[in-house]
Amino acid sequence: MAIAIKNIPVLKEDAAIKFDSNAQAAIKKKSTIKFSKQLSIASQILAKAKI
């Protein structure tokens, strides 16, 4: 017995435009994490351990 294939929901018109604009805003808002402090601590630990 075959299982019916369900339709994939698709955003149309205003909903698609709103979704896309929210996605673009989220991409622009994305920030990076600076690990410079953690890297310096790790290098100090490795230097102390002479590795």
PDB file of N, CA and C in Angstrom:
ATOM      1  N   MET A   1       0.835  -1.168   0.000  1.00  0.00           N
ATOM      2  CA  MET A   1       0.000   0.000   0.000  1.00  0.00           C
ATOM      3  C   MET A   1       0.892   1.249   0.000  1.00  0.00           C
ATOM      4  N   ALA A   2       0.641   2.167  -0.878  1.00  0.00           N
ATOM      5  CA  ALA A   2       1.471   3.363  -1.035  1.00  0.00           C
ATOM      6  C   ALA A   2       1.056   4.454  -0.058  1.00  0.00           C
ATOM      7  N   ILE A   3       2.041   5.203   0.374  1.00  0.00           N
ATOM      8  CA  ILE A   3       1.784   6.337   1.257  1.00  0.00           C
ATOM      9  C   ILE A   3       1.710   7.590   0.395  1.00  0.00           C
ATOM     10  N   ALA A   4       0.690   8.391   0.633  1.00  0.00           N
ATOM     11  CA  ALA A   4       0.513   9.614  -0.151  1.00  0.00           C
ATOM     12  C   ALA A   4       1.629  10.601   0.150  1.00  0.00           C
ATOM     13  N   ILE A   5       2.138  11.255  -0.888  1.00  0.00           N
ATOM     14  CA  ILE A   5       3.181  12.265  -0.733  1.00  0.00           C
ATOM     15  C   ILE A   5       2.514  13.582  -0.376  1.00  0.00           C
ATOM     16  N   LYS A   6       2.967  14.194   0.720  1.00  0.00           N
ATOM     17  CA  LYS A   6       2.383  15.454   1.177  1.00  0.00           C
ATOM     18  C   LYS A   6       2.975  16.620   0.395  1.00  0.00           C
ATOM     19  N   ASN A   7       2.161  17.622   0.191  1.00  0.00           N
ATOM     20  CA  ASN A   7       2.627  18.828  -0.492  1.00  0.00           C
ATOM     21  C   ASN A   7       3.584  19.594   0.406  1.00  0.00           C
ATOM     22  N   ILE A   8       4.594  20.188  -0.195  1.00  0.00           N
ATOM     23  CA  ILE A   8       5.557  21.017   0.530  1.00  0.00           C
ATOM     24  C   ILE A   8       4.975  22.426   0.626  1.00  0.00           C
ATOM     25  N   PRO A   9       4.880  22.982   1.838  1.00  0.00           N
ATOM     26  CA  PRO A   9       4.342  24.338   1.964  1.00  0.00           C
ATOM     27  C   PRO A   9       5.267  25.358   1.296  1.00  0.00           C
ATOM     28  N   VAL A  10       4.678  26.304   0.597  1.00  0.00           N
ATOM     29  CA  VAL A  10       5.441  27.316  -0.127  1.00  0.00           C
ATOM     30  C   VAL A  10       4.915  28.691   0.257  1.00  0.00           C
ATOM     31  N   LEU A  11       5.829  29.601   0.570  1.00  0.00           N
ATOM     32  CA  LEU A  11       5.427  30.972   0.873  1.00  0.00           C
ATOM     33  C   LEU A  11       5.134  31.708  -0.425  1.00  0.00           C
ATOM     34  N   LYS A  12       4.063  32.482  -0.425  1.00  0.00           N
ATOM     35  CA  LYS A  12       3.687  33.207  -1.636  1.00  0.00           C
ATOM     36  C   LYS A  12       3.481  34.677  -1.322  1.00  0.00           C
ATOM     37  N   GLU A  13       3.732  35.495  -2.297  1.00  0.00           N
ATOM     38  CA  GLU A  13       3.498  36.934  -2.300  1.00  0.00           C
ATOM     39  C   GLU A  13       4.016  37.648  -1.062  1.00  0.00           C
ATOM     40  N   ASP A  14       3.122  38.246  -0.257  1.00  0.00           N
ATOM     41  CA  ASP A  14       3.541  39.078   0.874  1.00  0.00           C
ATOM     42  C   ASP A  14       4.320  38.291   1.923  1.00  0.00           C
ATOM     43  N   ALA A  15       3.889  37.068   2.193  1.00  0.00           N
ATOM     44  CA  ALA A  15       4.572  36.253   3.203  1.00  0.00           C
ATOM     45  C   ALA A  15       6.001  35.947   2.751  1.00  0.00           C
ATOM     46  N   ALA A  16       6.188  35.678   1.470  1.00  0.00           N
ATOM     47  CA  ALA A  16       7.517  35.383   0.941  1.00  0.00           C
ATOM     48  C   ALA A  16       8.412  36.613   1.000  1.00  0.00           C
ATOM     49  N   ILE A  17       7.870  37.751   0.671  1.00  0.00           N
ATOM     50  CA  ILE A  17       8.645  38.995   0.702  1.00  0.00           C
ATOM     51  C   ILE A  17       9.045  39.333   2.139  1.00  0.00           C
ATOM     52  N   LYS A  18       8.100  39.178   3.079  1.00  0.00           N
ATOM     53  CA  LYS A  18       8.385  39.463   4.483  1.00  0.00           C
ATOM     54  C   LYS A  18       9.434  38.499   5.025  1.00  0.00           C
ATOM     55  N   PHE A  19       9.305  37.215   4.691  1.00  0.00           N
ATOM     56  CA  PHE A  19      10.277  36.219   5.135  1.00  0.00           C
ATOM     57  C   PHE A  19      11.667  36.543   4.607  1.00  0.00           C
ATOM     58  N   ASP A  20      11.753  36.892   3.333  1.00  0.00           N
ATOM     59  CA  ASP A  20      13.039  37.203   2.711  1.00  0.00           C
ATOM     60  C   ASP A  20      13.662  38.454   3.326  1.00  0.00           C
ATOM     61  N   SER A  21      12.856  39.474   3.574  1.00  0.00           N
ATOM     62  CA  SER A  21      13.408  40.694   4.163  1.00  0.00           C
ATOM     63  C   SER A  21      13.878  40.439   5.597  1.00  0.00           C
ATOM     64  N   ASN A  22      13.141  39.615   6.348  1.00  0.00           N
ATOM     65  CA  ASN A  22      13.577  39.261   7.704  1.00  0.00           C
ATOM     66  C   ASN A  22      14.868  38.450   7.661  1.00  0.00           C
ATOM     67  N   ALA A  23      14.990  37.557   6.689  1.00  0.00           N
ATOM     68  CA  ALA A  23      16.208  36.756   6.559  1.00  0.00           C
ATOM     69  C   ALA A  23      17.394  37.644   6.211  1.00  0.00           C
ATOM     70  N   GLN A  24      17.215  38.591   5.306  1.00  0.00           N
ATOM     71  CA  GLN A  24      18.294  39.497   4.925  1.00  0.00           C
ATOM     72  C   GLN A  24      18.715  40.362   6.114  1.00  0.00           C
ATOM     73  N   ALA A  25      17.741  40.823   6.904  1.00  0.00           N
ATOM     74  CA  ALA A  25      18.058  41.629   8.079  1.00  0.00           C
ATOM     75  C   ALA A  25      18.840  40.812   9.101  1.00  0.00           C
ATOM     76  N   ALA A  26      18.481  39.554   9.265  1.00  0.00           N
ATOM     77  CA  ALA A  26      19.183  38.688  10.209  1.00  0.00           C
ATOM     78  C   ALA A  26      20.618  38.446   9.755  1.00  0.00           C
ATOM     79  N   ILE A  27      20.822  38.319   8.453  1.00  0.00           N
ATOM     80  CA  ILE A  27      22.177  38.117   7.913  1.00  0.00           C
ATOM     81  C   ILE A  27      23.030  39.357   8.175  1.00  0.00           C
ATOM     82  N   LYS A  28      22.460  40.542   7.961  1.00  0.00           N
ATOM     83  CA  LYS A  28      23.211  41.782   8.177  1.00  0.00           C
ATOM     84  C   LYS A  28      23.506  41.995   9.663  1.00  0.00           C
ATOM     85  N   LYS A  29      22.597  41.538  10.523  1.00  0.00           N
ATOM     86  CA  LYS A  29      22.722  41.737  11.952  1.00  0.00           C
ATOM     87  C   LYS A  29      23.699  40.754  12.590  1.00  0.00           C
ATOM     88  N   LYS A  30      24.046  39.687  11.863  1.00  0.00           N
ATOM     89  CA  LYS A  30      24.914  38.645  12.396  1.00  0.00           C
ATOM     90  C   LYS A  30      26.244  39.233  12.848  1.00  0.00           C
ATOM     91  N   SER A  31      26.684  38.810  14.010  1.00  0.00           N
ATOM     92  CA  SER A  31      27.949  39.309  14.529  1.00  0.00           C
ATOM     93  C   SER A  31      28.947  38.168  14.639  1.00  0.00           C
ATOM     94  N   THR A  32      30.191  38.546  14.788  1.00  0.00           N
ATOM     95  CA  THR A  32      31.239  37.546  14.932  1.00  0.00           C
ATOM     96  C   THR A  32      31.702  37.510  16.381  1.00  0.00           C
ATOM     97  N   ILE A  33      32.303  36.421  16.762  1.00  0.00           N
ATOM     98  CA  ILE A  33      32.818  36.262  18.114  1.00  0.00           C
ATOM     99  C   ILE A  33      34.335  36.394  18.061  1.00  0.00           C
ATOM    100  N   LYS A  34      34.888  37.243  18.914  1.00  0.00           N
ATOM    101  CA  LYS A  34      36.333  37.432  18.951  1.00  0.00           C
ATOM    102  C   LYS A  34      36.920  36.518  20.017  1.00  0.00           C
ATOM    103  N   PHE A  35      37.851  35.683  19.613  1.00  0.00           N
ATOM    104  CA  PHE A  35      38.483  34.743  20.517  1.00  0.00           C
ATOM    105  C   PHE A  35      39.917  35.145  20.843  1.00  0.00           C
ATOM    106  N   SER A  36      40.290  36.395  20.627  1.00  0.00           N
ATOM    107  CA  SER A  36      41.674  36.816  20.834  1.00  0.00           C
ATOM    108  C   SER A  36      42.111  36.645  22.295  1.00  0.00           C
ATOM    109  N   LYS A  37      41.221  36.955  23.231  1.00  0.00           N
ATOM    110  CA  LYS A  37      41.569  36.814  24.641  1.00  0.00           C
ATOM    111  C   LYS A  37      41.803  35.342  24.992  1.00  0.00           C
ATOM    112  N   GLN A  38      40.912  34.458  24.506  1.00  0.00           N
ATOM    113  CA  GLN A  38      41.053  33.032  24.780  1.00  0.00           C
ATOM    114  C   GLN A  38      42.292  32.456  24.100  1.00  0.00           C
ATOM    115  N   LEU A  39      42.614  32.950  22.906  1.00  0.00           N
ATOM    116  CA  LEU A  39      43.804  32.479  22.199  1.00  0.00           C
ATOM    117  C   LEU A  39      45.074  32.882  22.937  1.00  0.00           C
ATOM    118  N   SER A  40      45.100  34.095  23.473  1.00  0.00           N
ATOM    119  CA  SER A  40      46.291  34.524  24.204  1.00  0.00           C
ATOM    120  C   SER A  40      46.461  33.706  25.481  1.00  0.00           C
ATOM    121  N   ILE A  41      45.367  33.409  26.173  1.00  0.00           N
ATOM    122  CA  ILE A  41      45.440  32.578  27.380  1.00  0.00           C
ATOM    123  C   ILE A  41      45.925  31.176  27.028  1.00  0.00           C
ATOM    124  N   ALA A  42      45.400  30.623  25.932  1.00  0.00           N
ATOM    125  CA  ALA A  42      45.805  29.283  25.513  1.00  0.00           C
ATOM    126  C   ALA A  42      47.282  29.251  25.139  1.00  0.00           C
ATOM    127  N   SER A  43      47.754  30.289  24.448  1.00  0.00           N
ATOM    128  CA  SER A  43      49.169  30.306  24.070  1.00  0.00           C
ATOM    129  C   SER A  43      50.068  30.451  25.300  1.00  0.00           C
ATOM    130  N   GLN A  44      49.617  31.198  26.301  1.00  0.00           N
ATOM    131  CA  GLN A  44      50.384  31.311  27.538  1.00  0.00           C
ATOM    132  C   GLN A  44      50.469  29.946  28.252  1.00  0.00           C
ATOM    133  N   ILE A  45      49.367  29.227  28.274  1.00  0.00           N
ATOM    134  CA  ILE A  45      49.338  27.913  28.906  1.00  0.00           C
ATOM    135  C   ILE A  45      50.274  26.959  28.158  1.00  0.00           C
ATOM    136  N   LEU A  46      50.226  26.990  26.828  1.00  0.00           N
ATOM    137  CA  LEU A  46      51.090  26.106  26.035  1.00  0.00           C
ATOM    138  C   LEU A  46      52.556  26.491  26.190  1.00  0.00           C
ATOM    139  N   ALA A  47      52.838  27.788  26.288  1.00  0.00           N
ATOM    140  CA  ALA A  47      54.228  28.224  26.485  1.00  0.00           C
ATOM    141  C   ALA A  47      54.745  27.766  27.840  1.00  0.00           C
ATOM    142  N   LYS A  48      53.897  27.859  28.833  1.00  0.00           N
ATOM    143  CA  LYS A  48      54.272  27.428  30.170  1.00  0.00           C
ATOM    144  C   LYS A  48      54.513  25.903  30.215  1.00  0.00           C
ATOM    145  N   ALA A  49      53.704  25.173  29.423  1.00  0.00           N
ATOM    146  CA  ALA A  49      53.838  23.709  29.385  1.00  0.00           C
ATOM    147  C   ALA A  49      54.961  23.295  28.421  1.00  0.00           C
ATOM    148  N   LYS A  50      55.541  24.266  27.698  1.00  0.00           N
ATOM    149  CA  LYS A  50      56.624  24.020  26.720  1.00  0.00           C
ATOM    150  C   LYS A  50      56.195  23.019  25.641  1.00  0.00           C
ATOM    151  N   ILE A  51      54.997  23.254  25.107  1.00  0.00           N
ATOM    152  CA  ILE A  51      54.500  22.387  24.021  1.00  0.00           C
ATOM    153  C   ILE A  51      54.659  23.115  22.708  1.00  0.00           C
TER     154      ILE A  51
END
